[in-house]
Amino acid sequence: MILNLILPLGLFIAFAGAKVFQAKKWWLLIGLLFLVGSYQLVADNFLHPNRALTWDYAYLQSGTDFEHLVLALHSLPQPLQIIGLTDELLYVETEDLDRRFEPFTPGLPVYLNYQHSFQAMLNLLGSDQNNYVHLVYQYFEPGPVIDLLVRKDVIHDLNQSYYPSL
């Protein structure tokens, strides 16, 4: 089916392009290409920045689950620690938060565990691990998960509409 569409479409575009150039109205073609490019720019950056398609940029692949994680982090204005890897998107999204990296700081209200063993994370918390609620987010489909550990005494700050299971 694709082959049946490509040949007629290619012939039509070649014919239309030749007519535009013969009429010395090449600026129409440039204007059309500029409009198509501008629409794609607005669509990617403003209309649906969180879509998850195969060949999109990393931020566009993140999907709604990552958006929920960012909303949760920003609704918890508490000190947090990022454990494991910190890629560029996580670094940017947590830039204005009170965050810490290595070494491990015990007793913080929020921990973000990314591409790091969850069992090793629990071992770091030790006996304090029972005081935390474990939330799991998918970065992108299919992709790594992000563990969010929130201390039980600050979990009420989360918007319950996003987390009906709490």
N, C-alpha and C. Protein backbone atom coordinates (compact mmCIF):
# COMPACT_ATOMS: atom_id res chain seq x y z
N MET A 1 0.81 -1.18 0.00
CA MET A 1 0.00 0.00 0.00
C MET A 1 0.88 1.27 0.00
N ILE A 2 1.97 1.23 0.76
CA ILE A 2 2.86 2.39 0.81
C ILE A 2 3.46 2.66 -0.56
N LEU A 3 3.85 1.59 -1.28
CA LEU A 3 4.42 1.78 -2.62
C LEU A 3 3.40 2.41 -3.56
N ASN A 4 2.12 2.07 -3.40
CA ASN A 4 1.08 2.65 -4.25
C ASN A 4 0.87 4.14 -3.95
N LEU A 5 1.24 4.58 -2.76
CA LEU A 5 1.09 5.99 -2.41
C LEU A 5 2.33 6.81 -2.74
N ILE A 6 3.50 6.21 -2.59
CA ILE A 6 4.75 6.96 -2.77
C ILE A 6 4.93 7.43 -4.21
N LEU A 7 4.71 6.56 -5.18
CA LEU A 7 4.93 6.94 -6.58
C LEU A 7 4.02 8.08 -7.02
N PRO A 8 2.70 8.00 -6.83
CA PRO A 8 1.86 9.13 -7.25
C PRO A 8 2.16 10.42 -6.46
N LEU A 9 2.44 10.29 -5.18
CA LEU A 9 2.76 11.47 -4.38
C LEU A 9 4.07 12.10 -4.84
N GLY A 10 5.07 11.27 -5.10
CA GLY A 10 6.35 11.78 -5.60
C GLY A 10 6.20 12.47 -6.94
N LEU A 11 5.42 11.88 -7.85
CA LEU A 11 5.19 12.50 -9.16
C LEU A 11 4.46 13.84 -9.02
N PHE A 12 3.47 13.89 -8.13
CA PHE A 12 2.72 15.13 -7.93
C PHE A 12 3.61 16.23 -7.36
N ILE A 13 4.43 15.89 -6.38
CA ILE A 13 5.31 16.89 -5.78
C ILE A 13 6.34 17.38 -6.79
N ALA A 14 6.88 16.46 -7.60
CA ALA A 14 7.84 16.87 -8.63
C ALA A 14 7.18 17.79 -9.66
N PHE A 15 5.96 17.45 -10.09
CA PHE A 15 5.24 18.27 -11.06
C PHE A 15 4.93 19.65 -10.48
N ALA A 16 4.42 19.70 -9.24
CA ALA A 16 4.06 20.97 -8.61
C ALA A 16 5.31 21.82 -8.37
N GLY A 17 6.41 21.18 -7.94
CA GLY A 17 7.65 21.92 -7.73
C GLY A 17 8.19 22.50 -9.03
N ALA A 18 8.12 21.73 -10.10
CA ALA A 18 8.59 22.23 -11.39
C ALA A 18 7.75 23.41 -11.87
N LYS A 19 6.44 23.34 -11.69
CA LYS A 19 5.56 24.45 -12.09
C LYS A 19 5.84 25.72 -11.29
N VAL A 20 6.10 25.54 -9.99
CA VAL A 20 6.40 26.70 -9.14
C VAL A 20 7.70 27.36 -9.59
N PHE A 21 8.72 26.54 -9.86
CA PHE A 21 10.00 27.11 -10.28
C PHE A 21 9.92 27.71 -11.69
N GLN A 22 9.12 27.10 -12.59
CA GLN A 22 8.97 27.67 -13.93
C GLN A 22 8.24 29.01 -13.88
N ALA A 23 7.34 29.16 -12.94
CA ALA A 23 6.58 30.42 -12.82
C ALA A 23 7.36 31.46 -12.03
N LYS A 24 8.60 31.12 -11.64
CA LYS A 24 9.45 32.01 -10.87
C LYS A 24 8.80 32.44 -9.56
N LYS A 25 8.06 31.53 -8.98
CA LYS A 25 7.41 31.79 -7.69
C LYS A 25 7.96 30.83 -6.64
N TRP A 26 9.28 30.69 -6.64
CA TRP A 26 9.91 29.78 -5.69
C TRP A 26 9.72 30.21 -4.25
N TRP A 27 9.44 31.49 -4.02
CA TRP A 27 9.22 31.97 -2.66
C TRP A 27 7.96 31.35 -2.05
N LEU A 28 7.00 30.94 -2.93
CA LEU A 28 5.82 30.23 -2.42
C LEU A 28 6.21 28.89 -1.81
N LEU A 29 7.13 28.21 -2.47
CA LEU A 29 7.59 26.92 -1.97
C LEU A 29 8.34 27.09 -0.65
N ILE A 30 9.18 28.10 -0.58
CA ILE A 30 9.92 28.37 0.65
C ILE A 30 8.94 28.75 1.77
N GLY A 31 7.94 29.56 1.44
CA GLY A 31 6.93 29.94 2.43
C GLY A 31 6.14 28.75 2.94
N LEU A 32 5.79 27.85 2.03
CA LEU A 32 5.07 26.64 2.43
C LEU A 32 5.91 25.77 3.36
N LEU A 33 7.18 25.58 2.99
CA LEU A 33 8.06 24.79 3.85
C LEU A 33 8.26 25.45 5.21
N PHE A 34 8.34 26.78 5.24
CA PHE A 34 8.47 27.50 6.51
C PHE A 34 7.22 27.31 7.38
N LEU A 35 6.03 27.35 6.77
CA LEU A 35 4.80 27.15 7.53
C LEU A 35 4.71 25.73 8.10
N VAL A 36 5.08 24.75 7.30
CA VAL A 36 5.05 23.36 7.78
C VAL A 36 6.03 23.18 8.93
N GLY A 37 7.24 23.74 8.79
CA GLY A 37 8.23 23.63 9.86
C GLY A 37 7.79 24.36 11.12
N SER A 38 7.16 25.52 10.97
CA SER A 38 6.68 26.27 12.13
C SER A 38 5.58 25.52 12.85
N TYR A 39 4.67 24.92 12.09
CA TYR A 39 3.61 24.12 12.73
C TYR A 39 4.21 22.96 13.51
N GLN A 40 5.18 22.27 12.93
CA GLN A 40 5.80 21.13 13.61
C GLN A 40 6.51 21.58 14.88
N LEU A 41 7.15 22.74 14.85
CA LEU A 41 7.81 23.30 16.03
C LEU A 41 6.81 23.57 17.14
N VAL A 42 5.70 24.20 16.82
CA VAL A 42 4.68 24.50 17.82
C VAL A 42 4.05 23.21 18.33
N ALA A 43 3.79 22.26 17.45
CA ALA A 43 3.17 21.00 17.86
C ALA A 43 4.07 20.22 18.82
N ASP A 44 5.36 20.15 18.51
CA ASP A 44 6.28 19.39 19.36
C ASP A 44 6.51 20.04 20.71
N ASN A 45 6.59 21.36 20.74
CA ASN A 45 6.98 22.04 21.97
C ASN A 45 5.82 22.50 22.84
N PHE A 46 4.66 22.76 22.25
CA PHE A 46 3.58 23.35 23.03
C PHE A 46 2.29 22.53 23.04
N LEU A 47 1.92 21.95 21.92
CA LEU A 47 0.63 21.26 21.86
C LEU A 47 0.66 19.90 22.55
N HIS A 48 1.68 19.12 22.32
CA HIS A 48 1.78 17.81 22.98
C HIS A 48 3.24 17.48 23.28
N PRO A 49 3.83 18.15 24.29
CA PRO A 49 5.25 17.93 24.57
C PRO A 49 5.55 16.60 25.25
N ASN A 50 4.54 15.87 25.70
CA ASN A 50 4.80 14.64 26.44
C ASN A 50 4.41 13.38 25.68
N ARG A 51 4.22 13.48 24.39
CA ARG A 51 3.82 12.28 23.65
C ARG A 51 4.97 11.28 23.62
N ALA A 52 4.64 10.02 23.45
CA ALA A 52 5.65 8.96 23.45
C ALA A 52 5.65 8.27 22.09
N LEU A 53 6.43 8.79 21.17
CA LEU A 53 6.57 8.19 19.84
C LEU A 53 7.98 7.66 19.68
N THR A 54 8.19 6.83 18.68
CA THR A 54 9.46 6.12 18.52
C THR A 54 10.64 7.03 18.28
N TRP A 55 10.51 8.02 17.41
CA TRP A 55 11.69 8.79 17.00
C TRP A 55 11.71 10.20 17.57
N ASP A 56 10.94 10.49 18.59
CA ASP A 56 10.93 11.82 19.18
C ASP A 56 12.13 12.01 20.09
N TYR A 57 12.33 13.25 20.52
CA TYR A 57 13.40 13.55 21.46
C TYR A 57 13.09 12.91 22.81
N ALA A 58 14.08 12.84 23.69
CA ALA A 58 13.92 12.17 24.97
C ALA A 58 12.80 12.77 25.80
N TYR A 59 12.67 14.09 25.82
CA TYR A 59 11.62 14.69 26.62
C TYR A 59 10.25 14.35 26.07
N LEU A 60 10.14 14.27 24.76
CA LEU A 60 8.85 13.93 24.17
C LEU A 60 8.47 12.49 24.43
N GLN A 61 9.44 11.63 24.71
CA GLN A 61 9.16 10.22 24.96
C GLN A 61 8.72 9.95 26.39
N SER A 62 8.87 10.92 27.26
CA SER A 62 8.69 10.63 28.68
C SER A 62 7.27 10.24 29.05
N GLY A 63 6.26 10.76 28.40
CA GLY A 63 4.90 10.35 28.68
C GLY A 63 4.31 10.97 29.94
N THR A 64 3.07 10.61 30.22
CA THR A 64 2.35 11.24 31.33
C THR A 64 2.82 10.75 32.69
N ASP A 65 3.38 9.55 32.77
CA ASP A 65 3.83 9.06 34.07
C ASP A 65 4.99 9.91 34.60
N PHE A 66 5.89 10.32 33.72
CA PHE A 66 6.97 11.20 34.14
C PHE A 66 6.43 12.57 34.53
N GLU A 67 5.40 13.02 33.82
CA GLU A 67 4.77 14.30 34.17
C GLU A 67 4.17 14.23 35.57
N HIS A 68 3.56 13.10 35.92
CA HIS A 68 3.01 12.93 37.26
C HIS A 68 4.12 12.94 38.31
N LEU A 69 5.26 12.36 37.99
CA LEU A 69 6.40 12.39 38.90
C LEU A 69 6.86 13.82 39.14
N VAL A 70 6.96 14.61 38.08
CA VAL A 70 7.39 15.99 38.22
C VAL A 70 6.38 16.78 39.05
N LEU A 71 5.07 16.55 38.82
CA LEU A 71 4.05 17.22 39.63
C LEU A 71 4.16 16.82 41.09
N ALA A 72 4.44 15.55 41.35
CA ALA A 72 4.60 15.09 42.74
C ALA A 72 5.80 15.75 43.39
N LEU A 73 6.91 15.83 42.67
CA LEU A 73 8.11 16.45 43.23
C LEU A 73 7.90 17.92 43.54
N HIS A 74 7.19 18.61 42.66
CA HIS A 74 6.99 20.03 42.88
C HIS A 74 5.89 20.33 43.88
N SER A 75 5.03 19.33 44.18
CA SER A 75 4.04 19.53 45.23
C SER A 75 4.59 19.14 46.60
N LEU A 76 5.80 18.59 46.62
CA LEU A 76 6.48 18.25 47.87
C LEU A 76 7.69 19.16 48.03
N PRO A 77 7.51 20.37 48.52
CA PRO A 77 8.66 21.28 48.64
C PRO A 77 9.55 20.88 49.81
N GLN A 78 10.05 19.67 49.76
CA GLN A 78 10.86 19.11 50.83
C GLN A 78 12.26 18.83 50.29
N PRO A 79 13.25 18.77 51.15
CA PRO A 79 14.58 18.35 50.69
C PRO A 79 14.53 16.93 50.13
N LEU A 80 15.20 16.70 49.02
CA LEU A 80 15.21 15.37 48.42
C LEU A 80 16.63 15.00 48.03
N GLN A 81 16.83 13.70 47.90
CA GLN A 81 18.13 13.21 47.45
C GLN A 81 17.92 12.31 46.25
N ILE A 82 18.75 12.52 45.23
CA ILE A 82 18.71 11.68 44.03
C ILE A 82 19.80 10.63 44.18
N ILE A 83 19.40 9.37 44.10
CA ILE A 83 20.33 8.25 44.24
C ILE A 83 20.39 7.52 42.90
N GLY A 84 21.57 7.17 42.49
CA GLY A 84 21.75 6.50 41.20
C GLY A 84 22.15 7.50 40.14
N LEU A 85 21.71 7.26 38.92
CA LEU A 85 22.06 8.12 37.80
C LEU A 85 21.15 9.35 37.75
N THR A 86 21.69 10.42 37.24
CA THR A 86 20.90 11.62 37.02
C THR A 86 21.10 12.04 35.57
N ASP A 87 20.13 11.76 34.74
CA ASP A 87 20.26 12.18 33.36
C ASP A 87 19.87 13.65 33.24
N GLU A 88 19.99 14.19 32.05
CA GLU A 88 19.80 15.62 31.85
C GLU A 88 18.39 16.07 32.19
N LEU A 89 17.38 15.27 31.81
CA LEU A 89 16.00 15.68 32.05
C LEU A 89 15.67 15.71 33.54
N LEU A 90 16.09 14.67 34.28
CA LEU A 90 15.86 14.68 35.72
C LEU A 90 16.62 15.83 36.39
N TYR A 91 17.80 16.12 35.91
CA TYR A 91 18.59 17.21 36.47
C TYR A 91 17.86 18.54 36.27
N VAL A 92 17.32 18.75 35.07
CA VAL A 92 16.63 20.01 34.78
C VAL A 92 15.33 20.10 35.58
N GLU A 93 14.57 19.01 35.66
CA GLU A 93 13.28 19.04 36.33
C GLU A 93 13.40 19.22 37.84
N THR A 94 14.55 18.88 38.42
CA THR A 94 14.72 19.03 39.86
C THR A 94 15.65 20.18 40.21
N GLU A 95 15.97 21.02 39.23
CA GLU A 95 16.96 22.07 39.42
C GLU A 95 16.56 23.08 40.49
N ASP A 96 15.27 23.43 40.55
CA ASP A 96 14.85 24.45 41.50
C ASP A 96 14.41 23.86 42.84
N LEU A 97 14.64 22.58 43.06
CA LEU A 97 14.29 21.93 44.31
C LEU A 97 15.51 21.85 45.22
N ASP A 98 15.28 21.63 46.51
CA ASP A 98 16.36 21.46 47.47
C ASP A 98 16.83 20.01 47.37
N ARG A 99 17.77 19.76 46.47
CA ARG A 99 18.19 18.38 46.19
C ARG A 99 19.62 18.15 46.63
N ARG A 100 19.92 16.88 46.87
CA ARG A 100 21.27 16.48 47.25
C ARG A 100 21.64 15.26 46.42
N PHE A 101 22.94 15.07 46.27
CA PHE A 101 23.44 13.92 45.54
C PHE A 101 24.29 13.09 46.49
N GLU A 102 25.41 12.57 46.06
CA GLU A 102 26.30 11.78 46.91
C GLU A 102 26.92 12.67 47.98
N PRO A 103 27.26 12.21 49.13
CA PRO A 103 26.98 10.90 49.70
C PRO A 103 25.55 10.83 50.26
N PHE A 104 25.15 9.64 50.64
CA PHE A 104 23.80 9.42 51.15
C PHE A 104 23.57 10.24 52.43
N THR A 105 22.43 10.94 52.46
CA THR A 105 22.04 11.72 53.63
C THR A 105 20.83 11.05 54.27
N PRO A 106 20.96 10.48 55.45
CA PRO A 106 19.81 9.79 56.07
C PRO A 106 18.78 10.78 56.62
N GLY A 107 17.52 10.33 56.66
CA GLY A 107 16.45 11.08 57.29
C GLY A 107 15.78 12.13 56.45
N LEU A 108 16.07 12.22 55.16
CA LEU A 108 15.40 13.21 54.31
C LEU A 108 13.96 12.78 54.05
N PRO A 109 13.07 13.74 53.77
CA PRO A 109 11.67 13.39 53.53
C PRO A 109 11.43 12.70 52.19
N VAL A 110 12.27 12.96 51.16
CA VAL A 110 12.02 12.43 49.82
C VAL A 110 13.33 11.89 49.24
N TYR A 111 13.23 10.69 48.66
CA TYR A 111 14.37 10.10 47.94
C TYR A 111 13.90 9.71 46.54
N LEU A 112 14.74 10.00 45.57
CA LEU A 112 14.47 9.67 44.17
C LEU A 112 15.52 8.66 43.74
N ASN A 113 15.09 7.47 43.38
CA ASN A 113 16.00 6.38 43.03
C ASN A 113 15.86 6.08 41.54
N TYR A 114 16.93 6.35 40.76
CA TYR A 114 16.86 6.17 39.30
C TYR A 114 18.03 5.33 38.82
N GLN A 115 17.72 4.22 38.16
CA GLN A 115 18.70 3.27 37.63
C GLN A 115 19.71 2.88 38.70
N HIS A 116 19.18 2.52 39.83
CA HIS A 116 19.97 2.07 40.97
C HIS A 116 19.14 0.98 41.63
N SER A 117 19.79 0.03 42.23
CA SER A 117 19.08 -1.09 42.86
C SER A 117 18.15 -0.60 43.96
N PHE A 118 16.88 -1.02 43.88
CA PHE A 118 15.94 -0.62 44.92
C PHE A 118 16.27 -1.29 46.24
N GLN A 119 16.75 -2.52 46.19
CA GLN A 119 17.14 -3.21 47.42
C GLN A 119 18.32 -2.50 48.09
N ALA A 120 19.27 -2.04 47.29
CA ALA A 120 20.39 -1.28 47.85
C ALA A 120 19.89 0.02 48.46
N MET A 121 18.87 0.61 47.86
CA MET A 121 18.27 1.82 48.41
C MET A 121 17.64 1.54 49.77
N LEU A 122 16.92 0.43 49.87
CA LEU A 122 16.32 0.06 51.16
C LEU A 122 17.39 -0.22 52.21
N ASN A 123 18.50 -0.82 51.79
CA ASN A 123 19.60 -1.07 52.72
C ASN A 123 20.19 0.24 53.25
N LEU A 124 20.24 1.26 52.38
CA LEU A 124 20.72 2.56 52.83
C LEU A 124 19.79 3.16 53.90
N LEU A 125 18.49 2.98 53.71
CA LEU A 125 17.53 3.52 54.67
C LEU A 125 17.54 2.76 55.99
N GLY A 126 17.89 1.48 55.94
CA GLY A 126 17.96 0.66 57.15
C GLY A 126 16.60 0.50 57.81
N SER A 127 16.55 0.65 59.11
CA SER A 127 15.29 0.44 59.84
C SER A 127 14.29 1.56 59.59
N ASP A 128 14.74 2.65 59.00
CA ASP A 128 13.87 3.79 58.71
C ASP A 128 12.99 3.56 57.48
N GLN A 129 13.22 2.46 56.75
CA GLN A 129 12.51 2.23 55.49
C GLN A 129 11.01 2.06 55.68
N ASN A 130 10.55 1.65 56.85
CA ASN A 130 9.11 1.48 57.09
C ASN A 130 8.38 2.81 57.23
N ASN A 131 9.10 3.89 57.35
CA ASN A 131 8.48 5.22 57.47
C ASN A 131 8.23 5.88 56.12
N TYR A 132 8.50 5.17 55.02
CA TYR A 132 8.38 5.74 53.68
C TYR A 132 7.33 5.02 52.85
N VAL A 133 6.68 5.79 51.99
CA VAL A 133 5.75 5.24 51.01
C VAL A 133 6.52 5.15 49.69
N HIS A 134 6.40 4.01 49.03
CA HIS A 134 7.12 3.75 47.78
C HIS A 134 6.18 3.98 46.60
N LEU A 135 6.53 4.93 45.72
CA LEU A 135 5.79 5.20 44.50
C LEU A 135 6.70 4.88 43.32
N VAL A 136 6.15 4.25 42.29
CA VAL A 136 6.94 3.84 41.13
C VAL A 136 6.41 4.56 39.89
N TYR A 137 7.32 5.12 39.11
CA TYR A 137 6.97 5.82 37.88
C TYR A 137 7.77 5.23 36.73
N GLN A 138 7.16 5.20 35.56
CA GLN A 138 7.84 4.75 34.35
C GLN A 138 8.38 5.98 33.64
N TYR A 139 9.69 5.98 33.33
CA TYR A 139 10.29 7.14 32.67
C TYR A 139 9.71 7.30 31.27
N PHE A 140 9.85 6.28 30.45
CA PHE A 140 9.21 6.25 29.14
C PHE A 140 8.95 4.80 28.80
N GLU A 141 8.08 4.56 27.84
CA GLU A 141 7.66 3.21 27.49
C GLU A 141 8.47 2.65 26.35
N PRO A 142 9.00 1.48 26.40
CA PRO A 142 9.39 0.78 27.62
C PRO A 142 10.71 1.36 28.09
N GLY A 143 10.84 1.57 29.33
CA GLY A 143 12.05 2.20 29.82
C GLY A 143 12.24 1.99 31.30
N PRO A 144 13.21 2.66 31.86
CA PRO A 144 13.53 2.46 33.27
C PRO A 144 12.46 3.04 34.19
N VAL A 145 12.40 2.50 35.37
CA VAL A 145 11.47 3.01 36.36
C VAL A 145 12.20 3.93 37.32
N ILE A 146 11.45 4.81 37.94
CA ILE A 146 11.97 5.73 38.93
C ILE A 146 11.22 5.46 40.22
N ASP A 147 11.95 5.18 41.29
CA ASP A 147 11.35 4.96 42.60
C ASP A 147 11.34 6.28 43.35
N LEU A 148 10.18 6.63 43.87
CA LEU A 148 10.06 7.81 44.70
C LEU A 148 9.65 7.34 46.09
N LEU A 149 10.49 7.62 47.07
CA LEU A 149 10.21 7.27 48.45
C LEU A 149 9.89 8.55 49.21
N VAL A 150 8.69 8.62 49.76
CA VAL A 150 8.23 9.80 50.46
C VAL A 150 7.90 9.41 51.89
N ARG A 151 8.42 10.17 52.84
CA ARG A 151 8.14 9.88 54.24
C ARG A 151 6.65 10.02 54.52
N LYS A 152 6.11 9.15 55.33
CA LYS A 152 4.67 9.09 55.56
C LYS A 152 4.10 10.37 56.16
N ASP A 153 4.89 11.10 56.91
CA ASP A 153 4.35 12.32 57.51
C ASP A 153 4.24 13.49 56.53
N VAL A 154 4.80 13.37 55.32
CA VAL A 154 4.65 14.44 54.31
C VAL A 154 3.88 13.96 53.09
N ILE A 155 3.41 12.72 53.10
CA ILE A 155 2.72 12.18 51.93
C ILE A 155 1.39 12.88 51.69
N HIS A 156 0.79 13.47 52.71
CA HIS A 156 -0.49 14.15 52.55
C HIS A 156 -0.40 15.37 51.64
N ASP A 157 0.82 15.85 51.38
CA ASP A 157 0.99 17.00 50.49
C ASP A 157 0.75 16.66 49.02
N LEU A 158 0.77 15.38 48.69
CA LEU A 158 0.55 14.99 47.29
C LEU A 158 -0.90 15.19 46.90
N ASN A 159 -1.11 15.51 45.66
CA ASN A 159 -2.46 15.66 45.13
C ASN A 159 -3.09 14.28 45.00
N GLN A 160 -4.15 14.02 45.75
CA GLN A 160 -4.76 12.70 45.79
C GLN A 160 -5.43 12.31 44.47
N SER A 161 -5.73 13.27 43.62
CA SER A 161 -6.36 12.92 42.34
C SER A 161 -5.42 12.17 41.43
N TYR A 162 -4.10 12.39 41.57
CA TYR A 162 -3.14 11.66 40.76
C TYR A 162 -2.82 10.29 41.35
N TYR A 163 -3.02 10.14 42.64
CA TYR A 163 -2.62 8.91 43.32
C TYR A 163 -3.80 8.36 44.13
N PRO A 164 -4.81 7.81 43.47
CA PRO A 164 -5.99 7.34 44.21
C PRO A 164 -5.69 6.14 45.11
N SER A 165 -4.58 5.44 44.90
CA SER A 165 -4.30 4.25 45.70
C SER A 165 -3.71 4.58 47.06
N LEU A 166 -3.33 5.83 47.33
CA LEU A 166 -2.72 6.19 48.61
C LEU A 166 -3.76 6.34 49.69
